[in-house]
Amino acid sequence: MNDSLAKALALFELTEHFTREDLDKKNRELLLTWHPHRYAMVTNNPRKYMQMYKQGEAMTKEINAAYELLLAQLEKKEGR
């Protein structure tokens, strides 16, 4: 298993034997947790808000990249 696949599995908290349903469910959970706009009402401090917004943006990108990688891996296993 390559390093990026291992990181994606760890991010999604999945084992190598996962289903599309498992992947989609965890993707929705992670995106809900890390969506940048979620931080709009967390603080009145603009600097802290922007820091949290940027962290959410970075995590959203990481989640999307990991999802694409895991989806490709799943389709490869299924022989598509």
PDB file of N, CA and C in Angstrom:
ATOM      1  N   MET A   1       0.860  -1.169   0.000  1.00  0.00           N
ATOM      2  CA  MET A   1       0.000   0.000   0.000  1.00  0.00           C
ATOM      3  C   MET A   1       0.911   1.238   0.000  1.00  0.00           C
ATOM      4  N   ASN A   2       0.582   2.177  -0.885  1.00  0.00           N
ATOM      5  CA  ASN A   2       1.414   3.382  -0.936  1.00  0.00           C
ATOM      6  C   ASN A   2       1.032   4.353   0.186  1.00  0.00           C
ATOM      7  N   ASP A   3       1.909   5.322   0.388  1.00  0.00           N
ATOM      8  CA  ASP A   3       1.776   6.249   1.512  1.00  0.00           C
ATOM      9  C   ASP A   3       0.519   7.112   1.418  1.00  0.00           C
ATOM     10  N   SER A   4       0.213   7.611   0.214  1.00  0.00           N
ATOM     11  CA  SER A   4      -0.967   8.485   0.077  1.00  0.00           C
ATOM     12  C   SER A   4      -2.262   7.708   0.319  1.00  0.00           C
ATOM     13  N   LEU A   5      -2.298   6.451  -0.085  1.00  0.00           N
ATOM     14  CA  LEU A   5      -3.476   5.620   0.163  1.00  0.00           C
ATOM     15  C   LEU A   5      -3.634   5.372   1.664  1.00  0.00           C
ATOM     16  N   ALA A   6      -2.530   5.120   2.345  1.00  0.00           N
ATOM     17  CA  ALA A   6      -2.572   4.900   3.795  1.00  0.00           C
ATOM     18  C   ALA A   6      -3.061   6.154   4.517  1.00  0.00           C
ATOM     19  N   LYS A   7      -2.607   7.325   4.085  1.00  0.00           N
ATOM     20  CA  LYS A   7      -3.058   8.581   4.689  1.00  0.00           C
ATOM     21  C   LYS A   7      -4.543   8.807   4.446  1.00  0.00           C
ATOM     22  N   ALA A   8      -5.012   8.493   3.238  1.00  0.00           N
ATOM     23  CA  ALA A   8      -6.429   8.653   2.908  1.00  0.00           C
ATOM     24  C   ALA A   8      -7.289   7.731   3.765  1.00  0.00           C
ATOM     25  N   LEU A   9      -6.858   6.491   3.920  1.00  0.00           N
ATOM     26  CA  LEU A   9      -7.599   5.550   4.768  1.00  0.00           C
ATOM     27  C   LEU A   9      -7.621   6.026   6.218  1.00  0.00           C
ATOM     28  N   ALA A  10      -6.509   6.556   6.687  1.00  0.00           N
ATOM     29  CA  ALA A  10      -6.450   7.053   8.066  1.00  0.00           C
ATOM     30  C   ALA A  10      -7.366   8.263   8.243  1.00  0.00           C
ATOM     31  N   LEU A  11      -7.364   9.171   7.280  1.00  0.00           N
ATOM     32  CA  LEU A  11      -8.224  10.353   7.351  1.00  0.00           C
ATOM     33  C   LEU A  11      -9.695   9.947   7.416  1.00  0.00           C
ATOM     34  N   PHE A  12     -10.066   8.964   6.613  1.00  0.00           N
ATOM     35  CA  PHE A  12     -11.454   8.511   6.567  1.00  0.00           C
ATOM     36  C   PHE A  12     -11.759   7.451   7.627  1.00  0.00           C
ATOM     37  N   GLU A  13     -10.739   7.062   8.385  1.00  0.00           N
ATOM     38  CA  GLU A  13     -10.883   6.041   9.435  1.00  0.00           C
ATOM     39  C   GLU A  13     -11.505   4.764   8.877  1.00  0.00           C
ATOM     40  N   LEU A  14     -10.979   4.326   7.740  1.00  0.00           N
ATOM     41  CA  LEU A  14     -11.457   3.106   7.088  1.00  0.00           C
ATOM     42  C   LEU A  14     -10.333   2.082   7.016  1.00  0.00           C
ATOM     43  N   THR A  15     -10.713   0.823   6.898  1.00  0.00           N
ATOM     44  CA  THR A  15      -9.734  -0.225   6.641  1.00  0.00           C
ATOM     45  C   THR A  15      -9.704  -0.455   5.135  1.00  0.00           C
ATOM     46  N   GLU A  16      -8.814  -1.305   4.693  1.00  0.00           N
ATOM     47  CA  GLU A  16      -8.649  -1.518   3.252  1.00  0.00           C
ATOM     48  C   GLU A  16      -9.888  -2.153   2.611  1.00  0.00           C
ATOM     49  N   HIS A  17     -10.702  -2.814   3.410  1.00  0.00           N
ATOM     50  CA  HIS A  17     -11.909  -3.466   2.884  1.00  0.00           C
ATOM     51  C   HIS A  17     -13.128  -2.610   3.227  1.00  0.00           C
ATOM     52  N   PHE A  18     -13.372  -1.578   2.414  1.00  0.00           N
ATOM     53  CA  PHE A  18     -14.485  -0.667   2.649  1.00  0.00           C
ATOM     54  C   PHE A  18     -15.428  -0.705   1.453  1.00  0.00           C
ATOM     55  N   THR A  19     -16.653  -0.273   1.687  1.00  0.00           N
ATOM     56  CA  THR A  19     -17.650  -0.231   0.617  1.00  0.00           C
ATOM     57  C   THR A  19     -17.866   1.208   0.172  1.00  0.00           C
ATOM     58  N   ARG A  20     -18.548   1.368  -0.934  1.00  0.00           N
ATOM     59  CA  ARG A  20     -18.865   2.710  -1.426  1.00  0.00           C
ATOM     60  C   ARG A  20     -19.744   3.448  -0.425  1.00  0.00           C
ATOM     61  N   GLU A  21     -20.647   2.716   0.224  1.00  0.00           N
ATOM     62  CA  GLU A  21     -21.522   3.323   1.226  1.00  0.00           C
ATOM     63  C   GLU A  21     -20.712   3.854   2.406  1.00  0.00           C
ATOM     64  N   ASP A  22     -19.735   3.052   2.878  1.00  0.00           N
ATOM     65  CA  ASP A  22     -18.859   3.489   3.970  1.00  0.00           C
ATOM     66  C   ASP A  22     -18.113   4.758   3.585  1.00  0.00           C
ATOM     67  N   LEU A  23     -17.583   4.764   2.374  1.00  0.00           N
ATOM     68  CA  LEU A  23     -16.802   5.892   1.881  1.00  0.00           C
ATOM     69  C   LEU A  23     -17.657   7.150   1.781  1.00  0.00           C
ATOM     70  N   ASP A  24     -18.837   7.025   1.186  1.00  0.00           N
ATOM     71  CA  ASP A  24     -19.719   8.187   1.021  1.00  0.00           C
ATOM     72  C   ASP A  24     -20.200   8.735   2.365  1.00  0.00           C
ATOM     73  N   LYS A  25     -20.515   7.838   3.288  1.00  0.00           N
ATOM     74  CA  LYS A  25     -20.991   8.262   4.609  1.00  0.00           C
ATOM     75  C   LYS A  25     -19.905   9.041   5.344  1.00  0.00           C
ATOM     76  N   LYS A  26     -18.705   8.516   5.343  1.00  0.00           N
ATOM     77  CA  LYS A  26     -17.598   9.176   6.039  1.00  0.00           C
ATOM     78  C   LYS A  26     -17.241  10.494   5.344  1.00  0.00           C
ATOM     79  N   ASN A  27     -17.344  10.541   4.020  1.00  0.00           N
ATOM     80  CA  ASN A  27     -17.068  11.766   3.272  1.00  0.00           C
ATOM     81  C   ASN A  27     -18.038  12.872   3.694  1.00  0.00           C
ATOM     82  N   ARG A  28     -19.315  12.543   3.782  1.00  0.00           N
ATOM     83  CA  ARG A  28     -20.311  13.531   4.205  1.00  0.00           C
ATOM     84  C   ARG A  28     -20.022  14.032   5.623  1.00  0.00           C
ATOM     85  N   GLU A  29     -19.676  13.105   6.527  1.00  0.00           N
ATOM     86  CA  GLU A  29     -19.378  13.481   7.913  1.00  0.00           C
ATOM     87  C   GLU A  29     -18.184  14.433   7.980  1.00  0.00           C
ATOM     88  N   LEU A  30     -17.123  14.093   7.255  1.00  0.00           N
ATOM     89  CA  LEU A  30     -15.917  14.915   7.289  1.00  0.00           C
ATOM     90  C   LEU A  30     -16.156  16.289   6.674  1.00  0.00           C
ATOM     91  N   LEU A  31     -16.874  16.328   5.561  1.00  0.00           N
ATOM     92  CA  LEU A  31     -17.140  17.611   4.924  1.00  0.00           C
ATOM     93  C   LEU A  31     -18.031  18.496   5.790  1.00  0.00           C
ATOM     94  N   LEU A  32     -18.968  17.893   6.490  1.00  0.00           N
ATOM     95  CA  LEU A  32     -19.823  18.654   7.397  1.00  0.00           C
ATOM     96  C   LEU A  32     -18.994  19.230   8.547  1.00  0.00           C
ATOM     97  N   THR A  33     -18.080  18.439   9.068  1.00  0.00           N
ATOM     98  CA  THR A  33     -17.235  18.865  10.174  1.00  0.00           C
ATOM     99  C   THR A  33     -16.273  19.979   9.766  1.00  0.00           C
ATOM    100  N   TRP A  34     -15.684  19.869   8.578  1.00  0.00           N
ATOM    101  CA  TRP A  34     -14.611  20.783   8.188  1.00  0.00           C
ATOM    102  C   TRP A  34     -15.018  21.864   7.201  1.00  0.00           C
ATOM    103  N   HIS A  35     -16.278  21.960   6.843  1.00  0.00           N
ATOM    104  CA  HIS A  35     -16.669  22.974   5.860  1.00  0.00           C
ATOM    105  C   HIS A  35     -16.284  24.362   6.371  1.00  0.00           C
ATOM    106  N   PRO A  36     -15.582  25.150   5.562  1.00  0.00           N
ATOM    107  CA  PRO A  36     -15.081  26.460   6.020  1.00  0.00           C
ATOM    108  C   PRO A  36     -16.165  27.410   6.526  1.00  0.00           C
ATOM    109  N   HIS A  37     -17.334  27.389   5.934  1.00  0.00           N
ATOM    110  CA  HIS A  37     -18.392  28.324   6.339  1.00  0.00           C
ATOM    111  C   HIS A  37     -18.954  28.002   7.712  1.00  0.00           C
ATOM    112  N   ARG A  38     -18.660  26.816   8.197  1.00  0.00           N
ATOM    113  CA  ARG A  38     -19.117  26.411   9.526  1.00  0.00           C
ATOM    114  C   ARG A  38     -18.552  27.323  10.607  1.00  0.00           C
ATOM    115  N   TYR A  39     -17.435  27.963  10.328  1.00  0.00           N
ATOM    116  CA  TYR A  39     -16.764  28.780  11.330  1.00  0.00           C
ATOM    117  C   TYR A  39     -17.242  30.232  11.354  1.00  0.00           C
ATOM    118  N   ALA A  40     -18.227  30.555  10.566  1.00  0.00           N
ATOM    119  CA  ALA A  40     -18.686  31.941  10.463  1.00  0.00           C
ATOM    120  C   ALA A  40     -19.171  32.504  11.796  1.00  0.00           C
ATOM    121  N   MET A  41     -19.806  31.708  12.611  1.00  0.00           N
ATOM    122  CA  MET A  41     -20.370  32.211  13.860  1.00  0.00           C
ATOM    123  C   MET A  41     -19.573  31.785  15.092  1.00  0.00           C
ATOM    124  N   VAL A  42     -18.404  31.229  14.893  1.00  0.00           N
ATOM    125  CA  VAL A  42     -17.631  30.721  16.018  1.00  0.00           C
ATOM    126  C   VAL A  42     -17.037  31.844  16.866  1.00  0.00           C
ATOM    127  N   THR A  43     -16.606  32.901  16.220  1.00  0.00           N
ATOM    128  CA  THR A  43     -15.919  33.952  16.955  1.00  0.00           C
ATOM    129  C   THR A  43     -16.168  35.313  16.320  1.00  0.00           C
ATOM    130  N   ASN A  44     -16.044  36.340  17.124  1.00  0.00           N
ATOM    131  CA  ASN A  44     -16.145  37.705  16.605  1.00  0.00           C
ATOM    132  C   ASN A  44     -14.774  38.246  16.222  1.00  0.00           C
ATOM    133  N   ASN A  45     -13.732  37.488  16.497  1.00  0.00           N
ATOM    134  CA  ASN A  45     -12.370  37.887  16.189  1.00  0.00           C
ATOM    135  C   ASN A  45     -12.062  37.544  14.724  1.00  0.00           C
ATOM    136  N   PRO A  46     -11.949  38.540  13.848  1.00  0.00           N
ATOM    137  CA  PRO A  46     -11.731  38.273  12.419  1.00  0.00           C
ATOM    138  C   PRO A  46     -10.459  37.474  12.135  1.00  0.00           C
ATOM    139  N   ARG A  47      -9.402  37.733  12.880  1.00  0.00           N
ATOM    140  CA  ARG A  47      -8.151  37.010  12.643  1.00  0.00           C
ATOM    141  C   ARG A  47      -8.318  35.522  12.953  1.00  0.00           C
ATOM    142  N   LYS A  48      -8.945  35.237  14.080  1.00  0.00           N
ATOM    143  CA  LYS A  48      -9.158  33.839  14.471  1.00  0.00           C
ATOM    144  C   LYS A  48     -10.121  33.160  13.494  1.00  0.00           C
ATOM    145  N   TYR A  49     -11.148  33.881  13.079  1.00  0.00           N
ATOM    146  CA  TYR A  49     -12.093  33.335  12.105  1.00  0.00           C
ATOM    147  C   TYR A  49     -11.374  32.972  10.812  1.00  0.00           C
ATOM    148  N   MET A  50     -10.539  33.876  10.295  1.00  0.00           N
ATOM    149  CA  MET A  50      -9.841  33.603   9.039  1.00  0.00           C
ATOM    150  C   MET A  50      -8.883  32.429   9.186  1.00  0.00           C
ATOM    151  N   GLN A  51      -8.249  32.314  10.340  1.00  0.00           N
ATOM    152  CA  GLN A  51      -7.357  31.186  10.594  1.00  0.00           C
ATOM    153  C   GLN A  51      -8.150  29.877  10.549  1.00  0.00           C
ATOM    154  N   MET A  52      -9.293  29.860  11.212  1.00  0.00           N
ATOM    155  CA  MET A  52     -10.126  28.661  11.231  1.00  0.00           C
ATOM    156  C   MET A  52     -10.719  28.384   9.848  1.00  0.00           C
ATOM    157  N   TYR A  53     -11.089  29.443   9.133  1.00  0.00           N
ATOM    158  CA  TYR A  53     -11.640  29.303   7.786  1.00  0.00           C
ATOM    159  C   TYR A  53     -10.599  28.675   6.868  1.00  0.00           C
ATOM    160  N   LYS A  54      -9.372  29.158   6.951  1.00  0.00           N
ATOM    161  CA  LYS A  54      -8.296  28.614   6.099  1.00  0.00           C
ATOM    162  C   LYS A  54      -7.989  27.165   6.453  1.00  0.00           C
ATOM    163  N   GLN A  55      -8.056  26.832   7.731  1.00  0.00           N
ATOM    164  CA  GLN A  55      -7.843  25.452   8.152  1.00  0.00           C
ATOM    165  C   GLN A  55      -8.960  24.563   7.588  1.00  0.00           C
ATOM    166  N   GLY A  56     -10.189  25.051   7.658  1.00  0.00           N
ATOM    167  CA  GLY A  56     -11.320  24.306   7.098  1.00  0.00           C
ATOM    168  C   GLY A  56     -11.198  24.140   5.591  1.00  0.00           C
ATOM    169  N   GLU A  57     -10.739  25.190   4.921  1.00  0.00           N
ATOM    170  CA  GLU A  57     -10.523  25.124   3.475  1.00  0.00           C
ATOM    171  C   GLU A  57      -9.475  24.071   3.123  1.00  0.00           C
ATOM    172  N   ALA A  58      -8.369  24.073   3.852  1.00  0.00           N
ATOM    173  CA  ALA A  58      -7.293  23.114   3.607  1.00  0.00           C
ATOM    174  C   ALA A  58      -7.772  21.684   3.857  1.00  0.00           C
ATOM    175  N   MET A  59      -8.522  21.498   4.936  1.00  0.00           N
ATOM    176  CA  MET A  59      -9.026  20.150   5.240  1.00  0.00           C
ATOM    177  C   MET A  59     -10.039  19.697   4.195  1.00  0.00           C
ATOM    178  N   THR A  60     -10.864  20.609   3.714  1.00  0.00           N
ATOM    179  CA  THR A  60     -11.842  20.255   2.683  1.00  0.00           C
ATOM    180  C   THR A  60     -11.125  19.780   1.417  1.00  0.00           C
ATOM    181  N   LYS A  61     -10.067  20.466   1.034  1.00  0.00           N
ATOM    182  CA  LYS A  61      -9.279  20.051  -0.133  1.00  0.00           C
ATOM    183  C   LYS A  61      -8.654  18.683   0.097  1.00  0.00           C
ATOM    184  N   GLU A  62      -8.124  18.468   1.295  1.00  0.00           N
ATOM    185  CA  GLU A  62      -7.507  17.186   1.634  1.00  0.00           C
ATOM    186  C   GLU A  62      -8.544  16.059   1.614  1.00  0.00           C
ATOM    187  N   ILE A  63      -9.724  16.334   2.156  1.00  0.00           N
ATOM    188  CA  ILE A  63     -10.801  15.341   2.178  1.00  0.00           C
ATOM    189  C   ILE A  63     -11.223  14.988   0.755  1.00  0.00           C
ATOM    190  N   ASN A  64     -11.395  15.991  -0.094  1.00  0.00           N
ATOM    191  CA  ASN A  64     -11.801  15.737  -1.475  1.00  0.00           C
ATOM    192  C   ASN A  64     -10.758  14.937  -2.235  1.00  0.00           C
ATOM    193  N   ALA A  65      -9.486  15.252  -2.041  1.00  0.00           N
ATOM    194  CA  ALA A  65      -8.412  14.507  -2.707  1.00  0.00           C
ATOM    195  C   ALA A  65      -8.379  13.059  -2.220  1.00  0.00           C
ATOM    196  N   ALA A  66      -8.519  12.868  -0.913  1.00  0.00           N
ATOM    197  CA  ALA A  66      -8.518  11.514  -0.344  1.00  0.00           C
ATOM    198  C   ALA A  66      -9.725  10.726  -0.842  1.00  0.00           C
ATOM    199  N   TYR A  67     -10.879  11.386  -0.938  1.00  0.00           N
ATOM    200  CA  TYR A  67     -12.087  10.727  -1.438  1.00  0.00           C
ATOM    201  C   TYR A  67     -11.876  10.237  -2.868  1.00  0.00           C
ATOM    202  N   GLU A  68     -11.325  11.090  -3.723  1.00  0.00           N
ATOM    203  CA  GLU A  68     -11.076  10.704  -5.117  1.00  0.00           C
ATOM    204  C   GLU A  68     -10.116   9.520  -5.192  1.00  0.00           C
ATOM    205  N   LEU A  69      -9.079   9.540  -4.371  1.00  0.00           N
ATOM    206  CA  LEU A  69      -8.108   8.450  -4.353  1.00  0.00           C
ATOM    207  C   LEU A  69      -8.759   7.144  -3.902  1.00  0.00           C
ATOM    208  N   LEU A  70      -9.533   7.213  -2.825  1.00  0.00           N
ATOM    209  CA  LEU A  70     -10.186   6.005  -2.313  1.00  0.00           C
ATOM    210  C   LEU A  70     -11.253   5.493  -3.278  1.00  0.00           C
ATOM    211  N   LEU A  71     -11.958   6.402  -3.931  1.00  0.00           N
ATOM    212  CA  LEU A  71     -12.960   6.001  -4.912  1.00  0.00           C
ATOM    213  C   LEU A  71     -12.296   5.291  -6.090  1.00  0.00           C
ATOM    214  N   ALA A  72     -11.184   5.826  -6.559  1.00  0.00           N
ATOM    215  CA  ALA A  72     -10.444   5.184  -7.653  1.00  0.00           C
ATOM    216  C   ALA A  72      -9.952   3.803  -7.231  1.00  0.00           C
ATOM    217  N   GLN A  73      -9.482   3.697  -5.993  1.00  0.00           N
ATOM    218  CA  GLN A  73      -9.014   2.406  -5.474  1.00  0.00           C
ATOM    219  C   GLN A  73     -10.171   1.405  -5.416  1.00  0.00           C
ATOM    220  N   LEU A  74     -11.318   1.852  -4.984  1.00  0.00           N
ATOM    221  CA  LEU A  74     -12.496   0.990  -4.889  1.00  0.00           C
ATOM    222  C   LEU A  74     -12.931   0.514  -6.273  1.00  0.00           C
ATOM    223  N   GLU A  75     -12.964   1.420  -7.234  1.00  0.00           N
ATOM    224  CA  GLU A  75     -13.353   1.060  -8.600  1.00  0.00           C
ATOM    225  C   GLU A  75     -12.345   0.116  -9.229  1.00  0.00           C
ATOM    226  N   LYS A  76     -11.082   0.289  -8.885  1.00  0.00           N
ATOM    227  CA  LYS A  76     -10.030  -0.603  -9.403  1.00  0.00           C
ATOM    228  C   LYS A  76     -10.239  -2.013  -8.874  1.00  0.00           C
ATOM    229  N   LYS A  77     -10.589  -2.115  -7.583  1.00  0.00           N
ATOM    230  CA  LYS A  77     -10.853  -3.423  -6.968  1.00  0.00           C
ATOM    231  C   LYS A  77     -12.071  -4.105  -7.600  1.00  0.00           C
ATOM    232  N   GLU A  78     -13.068  -3.295  -7.925  1.00  0.00           N
ATOM    233  CA  GLU A  78     -14.298  -3.849  -8.504  1.00  0.00           C
ATOM    234  C   GLU A  78     -14.130  -4.166  -9.982  1.00  0.00           C
ATOM    235  N   GLY A  79     -13.005  -3.792 -10.556  1.00  0.00           N
ATOM    236  CA  GLY A  79     -12.716  -4.106 -11.943  1.00  0.00           C
ATOM    237  C   GLY A  79     -13.394  -3.213 -12.964  1.00  0.00           C
ATOM    238  N   ARG A  80     -13.667  -1.979 -12.582  1.00  0.00           N
ATOM    239  CA  ARG A  80     -14.319  -1.046 -13.506  1.00  0.00           C
ATOM    240  C   ARG A  80     -13.316  -0.393 -14.404  1.00  0.00           C
TER     241      ARG A  80
END
